[in-house]
Amino acid sequence: MSDVDSERTALRGRIEEVLDAHVRPGLRADGGDVEVVGIDADNIVQVRMQGACQGCSSAAMTLTMMIEAALKTHVPEVRFLEAVL
């Protein structure tokens, strides 16, 4: 495994930890969830909203105000989130 791959794996692990601790409990309480699809070379994180969050009219607000804010607070390397279908 290259240094870039190991750094990306470590970053993804930290992102998953933040999601598990600060984001997923609230989403799951409302029947939703979020999946990390990928992280590009510029540390832009692609996520997919799932369950009740998928197609919800508040999903964009949840993505930026809750998920992106939590990730940027705890994992400052994250530049921003990008929703994918």
N, C-alpha and C. Protein backbone atom coordinates (compact mmCIF):
# COMPACT_ATOMS: atom_id res chain seq x y z
N MET A 1 0.85 -1.19 0.00
CA MET A 1 0.00 0.00 0.00
C MET A 1 0.88 1.23 0.00
N SER A 2 0.58 2.17 -0.88
CA SER A 2 1.38 3.39 -0.97
C SER A 2 1.04 4.33 0.18
N ASP A 3 1.90 5.34 0.35
CA ASP A 3 1.65 6.34 1.40
C ASP A 3 0.34 7.07 1.17
N VAL A 4 0.03 7.37 -0.09
CA VAL A 4 -1.22 8.07 -0.42
C VAL A 4 -2.41 7.20 -0.04
N ASP A 5 -2.34 5.90 -0.37
CA ASP A 5 -3.44 4.99 -0.02
C ASP A 5 -3.61 4.88 1.48
N SER A 6 -2.51 4.78 2.22
CA SER A 6 -2.62 4.65 3.67
C SER A 6 -3.13 5.94 4.31
N GLU A 7 -2.73 7.10 3.76
CA GLU A 7 -3.25 8.37 4.26
C GLU A 7 -4.74 8.49 3.98
N ARG A 8 -5.17 8.08 2.80
CA ARG A 8 -6.58 8.14 2.42
C ARG A 8 -7.40 7.18 3.30
N THR A 9 -6.84 6.00 3.58
CA THR A 9 -7.52 5.03 4.44
C THR A 9 -7.66 5.58 5.86
N ALA A 10 -6.61 6.21 6.37
CA ALA A 10 -6.66 6.80 7.70
C ALA A 10 -7.67 7.95 7.75
N LEU A 11 -7.69 8.78 6.71
CA LEU A 11 -8.65 9.89 6.65
C LEU A 11 -10.08 9.36 6.63
N ARG A 12 -10.31 8.33 5.83
CA ARG A 12 -11.65 7.75 5.77
C ARG A 12 -12.07 7.19 7.12
N GLY A 13 -11.14 6.55 7.83
CA GLY A 13 -11.43 6.03 9.16
C GLY A 13 -11.83 7.13 10.13
N ARG A 14 -11.11 8.25 10.08
CA ARG A 14 -11.45 9.38 10.95
C ARG A 14 -12.82 9.95 10.59
N ILE A 15 -13.11 10.03 9.30
CA ILE A 15 -14.42 10.52 8.85
C ILE A 15 -15.53 9.60 9.35
N GLU A 16 -15.34 8.30 9.21
CA GLU A 16 -16.35 7.34 9.68
C GLU A 16 -16.57 7.45 11.18
N GLU A 17 -15.49 7.67 11.94
CA GLU A 17 -15.61 7.83 13.39
C GLU A 17 -16.47 9.05 13.74
N VAL A 18 -16.23 10.15 13.05
CA VAL A 18 -17.02 11.37 13.30
C VAL A 18 -18.48 11.14 12.92
N LEU A 19 -18.70 10.51 11.79
CA LEU A 19 -20.08 10.23 11.38
C LEU A 19 -20.78 9.35 12.40
N ASP A 20 -20.10 8.31 12.88
CA ASP A 20 -20.70 7.40 13.87
C ASP A 20 -21.01 8.10 15.18
N ALA A 21 -20.12 9.00 15.60
CA ALA A 21 -20.29 9.66 16.90
C ALA A 21 -21.23 10.86 16.86
N HIS A 22 -21.19 11.62 15.77
CA HIS A 22 -21.88 12.91 15.77
C HIS A 22 -23.01 13.07 14.77
N VAL A 23 -23.07 12.23 13.77
CA VAL A 23 -24.04 12.45 12.69
C VAL A 23 -25.06 11.33 12.59
N ARG A 24 -24.60 10.11 12.49
CA ARG A 24 -25.50 8.98 12.22
C ARG A 24 -26.59 8.78 13.28
N PRO A 25 -26.31 8.97 14.57
CA PRO A 25 -27.40 8.78 15.53
C PRO A 25 -28.63 9.65 15.23
N GLY A 26 -28.41 10.90 14.88
CA GLY A 26 -29.52 11.80 14.56
C GLY A 26 -30.22 11.41 13.27
N LEU A 27 -29.43 11.05 12.26
CA LEU A 27 -30.04 10.64 10.99
C LEU A 27 -30.84 9.36 11.16
N ARG A 28 -30.28 8.40 11.87
CA ARG A 28 -30.96 7.11 12.07
C ARG A 28 -32.23 7.26 12.90
N ALA A 29 -32.23 8.22 13.81
CA ALA A 29 -33.45 8.46 14.61
C ALA A 29 -34.61 8.88 13.72
N ASP A 30 -34.29 9.50 12.58
CA ASP A 30 -35.31 9.93 11.62
C ASP A 30 -35.45 8.96 10.45
N GLY A 31 -34.82 7.79 10.54
CA GLY A 31 -34.95 6.78 9.49
C GLY A 31 -34.00 6.95 8.33
N GLY A 32 -32.95 7.74 8.52
CA GLY A 32 -32.00 7.97 7.43
C GLY A 32 -30.60 7.51 7.78
N ASP A 33 -29.69 7.76 6.88
CA ASP A 33 -28.28 7.43 7.10
C ASP A 33 -27.47 8.14 6.03
N VAL A 34 -26.16 8.04 6.15
CA VAL A 34 -25.24 8.61 5.16
C VAL A 34 -24.13 7.60 4.92
N GLU A 35 -23.73 7.48 3.66
CA GLU A 35 -22.67 6.56 3.26
C GLU A 35 -21.54 7.36 2.62
N VAL A 36 -20.31 7.10 3.04
CA VAL A 36 -19.16 7.72 2.38
C VAL A 36 -18.88 6.91 1.12
N VAL A 37 -18.98 7.56 -0.02
CA VAL A 37 -18.76 6.91 -1.30
C VAL A 37 -17.29 6.98 -1.69
N GLY A 38 -16.65 8.11 -1.42
CA GLY A 38 -15.25 8.26 -1.76
C GLY A 38 -14.68 9.57 -1.30
N ILE A 39 -13.37 9.67 -1.43
CA ILE A 39 -12.64 10.89 -1.10
C ILE A 39 -11.67 11.12 -2.24
N ASP A 40 -11.75 12.28 -2.87
CA ASP A 40 -10.87 12.52 -4.01
C ASP A 40 -9.53 13.09 -3.55
N ALA A 41 -8.66 13.34 -4.50
CA ALA A 41 -7.30 13.80 -4.21
C ALA A 41 -7.27 15.18 -3.55
N ASP A 42 -8.35 15.95 -3.70
CA ASP A 42 -8.44 17.28 -3.08
C ASP A 42 -9.17 17.26 -1.74
N ASN A 43 -9.36 16.07 -1.18
CA ASN A 43 -10.07 15.88 0.10
C ASN A 43 -11.51 16.38 0.05
N ILE A 44 -12.14 16.20 -1.09
CA ILE A 44 -13.56 16.43 -1.23
C ILE A 44 -14.23 15.08 -1.01
N VAL A 45 -15.16 15.05 -0.07
CA VAL A 45 -15.78 13.79 0.34
C VAL A 45 -17.12 13.63 -0.37
N GLN A 46 -17.26 12.52 -1.08
CA GLN A 46 -18.53 12.21 -1.75
C GLN A 46 -19.36 11.34 -0.80
N VAL A 47 -20.59 11.76 -0.58
CA VAL A 47 -21.49 11.02 0.31
C VAL A 47 -22.82 10.76 -0.39
N ARG A 48 -23.49 9.72 0.06
CA ARG A 48 -24.82 9.38 -0.45
C ARG A 48 -25.77 9.33 0.74
N MET A 49 -26.83 10.10 0.65
CA MET A 49 -27.87 10.06 1.68
C MET A 49 -28.71 8.80 1.45
N GLN A 50 -29.12 8.17 2.54
CA GLN A 50 -29.86 6.92 2.42
C GLN A 50 -31.12 6.94 3.28
N GLY A 51 -31.97 5.98 3.02
CA GLY A 51 -33.20 5.84 3.80
C GLY A 51 -34.09 7.05 3.64
N ALA A 52 -34.65 7.50 4.75
CA ALA A 52 -35.56 8.64 4.73
C ALA A 52 -34.87 9.92 4.27
N CYS A 53 -33.54 9.98 4.37
CA CYS A 53 -32.80 11.17 3.95
C CYS A 53 -32.71 11.29 2.44
N GLN A 54 -32.82 10.16 1.76
CA GLN A 54 -32.73 10.15 0.31
C GLN A 54 -33.98 10.80 -0.27
N GLY A 55 -33.81 11.90 -0.96
CA GLY A 55 -34.94 12.59 -1.56
C GLY A 55 -35.69 13.52 -0.63
N CYS A 56 -35.26 13.60 0.62
CA CYS A 56 -35.92 14.49 1.58
C CYS A 56 -35.64 15.94 1.18
N SER A 57 -36.64 16.79 1.33
CA SER A 57 -36.47 18.19 0.95
C SER A 57 -35.45 18.91 1.83
N SER A 58 -35.16 18.38 3.00
CA SER A 58 -34.18 18.98 3.90
C SER A 58 -32.79 18.37 3.76
N ALA A 59 -32.60 17.44 2.84
CA ALA A 59 -31.33 16.72 2.72
C ALA A 59 -30.16 17.66 2.44
N ALA A 60 -30.35 18.66 1.60
CA ALA A 60 -29.25 19.59 1.28
C ALA A 60 -28.84 20.38 2.52
N MET A 61 -29.81 20.79 3.29
CA MET A 61 -29.52 21.53 4.52
C MET A 61 -28.83 20.62 5.54
N THR A 62 -29.30 19.40 5.66
CA THR A 62 -28.69 18.43 6.57
C THR A 62 -27.25 18.18 6.16
N LEU A 63 -27.02 18.05 4.87
CA LEU A 63 -25.69 17.78 4.35
C LEU A 63 -24.72 18.89 4.73
N THR A 64 -25.10 20.13 4.53
CA THR A 64 -24.17 21.22 4.79
C THR A 64 -24.14 21.65 6.25
N MET A 65 -25.28 21.80 6.86
CA MET A 65 -25.33 22.34 8.22
C MET A 65 -24.95 21.31 9.29
N MET A 66 -25.24 20.06 9.04
CA MET A 66 -24.96 19.05 10.06
C MET A 66 -23.73 18.22 9.72
N ILE A 67 -23.76 17.57 8.58
CA ILE A 67 -22.70 16.61 8.24
C ILE A 67 -21.40 17.33 7.92
N GLU A 68 -21.44 18.28 6.99
CA GLU A 68 -20.21 18.99 6.61
C GLU A 68 -19.63 19.76 7.80
N ALA A 69 -20.46 20.38 8.58
CA ALA A 69 -19.98 21.14 9.74
C ALA A 69 -19.27 20.23 10.74
N ALA A 70 -19.86 19.06 11.01
CA ALA A 70 -19.25 18.12 11.95
C ALA A 70 -17.92 17.61 11.42
N LEU A 71 -17.88 17.27 10.15
CA LEU A 71 -16.63 16.75 9.58
C LEU A 71 -15.54 17.81 9.57
N LYS A 72 -15.86 19.02 9.16
CA LYS A 72 -14.84 20.07 9.11
C LYS A 72 -14.33 20.43 10.51
N THR A 73 -15.18 20.32 11.51
CA THR A 73 -14.77 20.60 12.88
C THR A 73 -13.77 19.56 13.38
N HIS A 74 -14.05 18.30 13.11
CA HIS A 74 -13.24 17.20 13.66
C HIS A 74 -12.16 16.69 12.70
N VAL A 75 -12.33 16.94 11.42
CA VAL A 75 -11.36 16.48 10.41
C VAL A 75 -11.10 17.67 9.48
N PRO A 76 -10.24 18.59 9.90
CA PRO A 76 -10.06 19.84 9.16
C PRO A 76 -9.51 19.67 7.74
N GLU A 77 -8.97 18.51 7.41
CA GLU A 77 -8.47 18.28 6.06
C GLU A 77 -9.59 18.22 5.03
N VAL A 78 -10.81 17.93 5.48
CA VAL A 78 -11.96 17.85 4.57
C VAL A 78 -12.24 19.24 4.02
N ARG A 79 -12.25 19.36 2.69
CA ARG A 79 -12.53 20.66 2.06
C ARG A 79 -14.02 20.92 2.02
N PHE A 80 -14.80 19.99 1.49
CA PHE A 80 -16.25 20.09 1.51
C PHE A 80 -16.85 18.74 1.13
N LEU A 81 -18.16 18.66 1.24
CA LEU A 81 -18.89 17.43 0.88
C LEU A 81 -19.60 17.62 -0.43
N GLU A 82 -19.77 16.52 -1.13
CA GLU A 82 -20.46 16.52 -2.40
C GLU A 82 -21.45 15.36 -2.37
N ALA A 83 -22.70 15.65 -2.61
CA ALA A 83 -23.72 14.59 -2.61
C ALA A 83 -23.69 13.87 -3.96
N VAL A 84 -23.75 12.55 -3.92
CA VAL A 84 -23.84 11.74 -5.13
C VAL A 84 -25.08 10.87 -5.03
N LEU A 85 -25.59 10.49 -6.19
CA LEU A 85 -26.79 9.64 -6.21
C LEU A 85 -26.43 8.20 -6.27
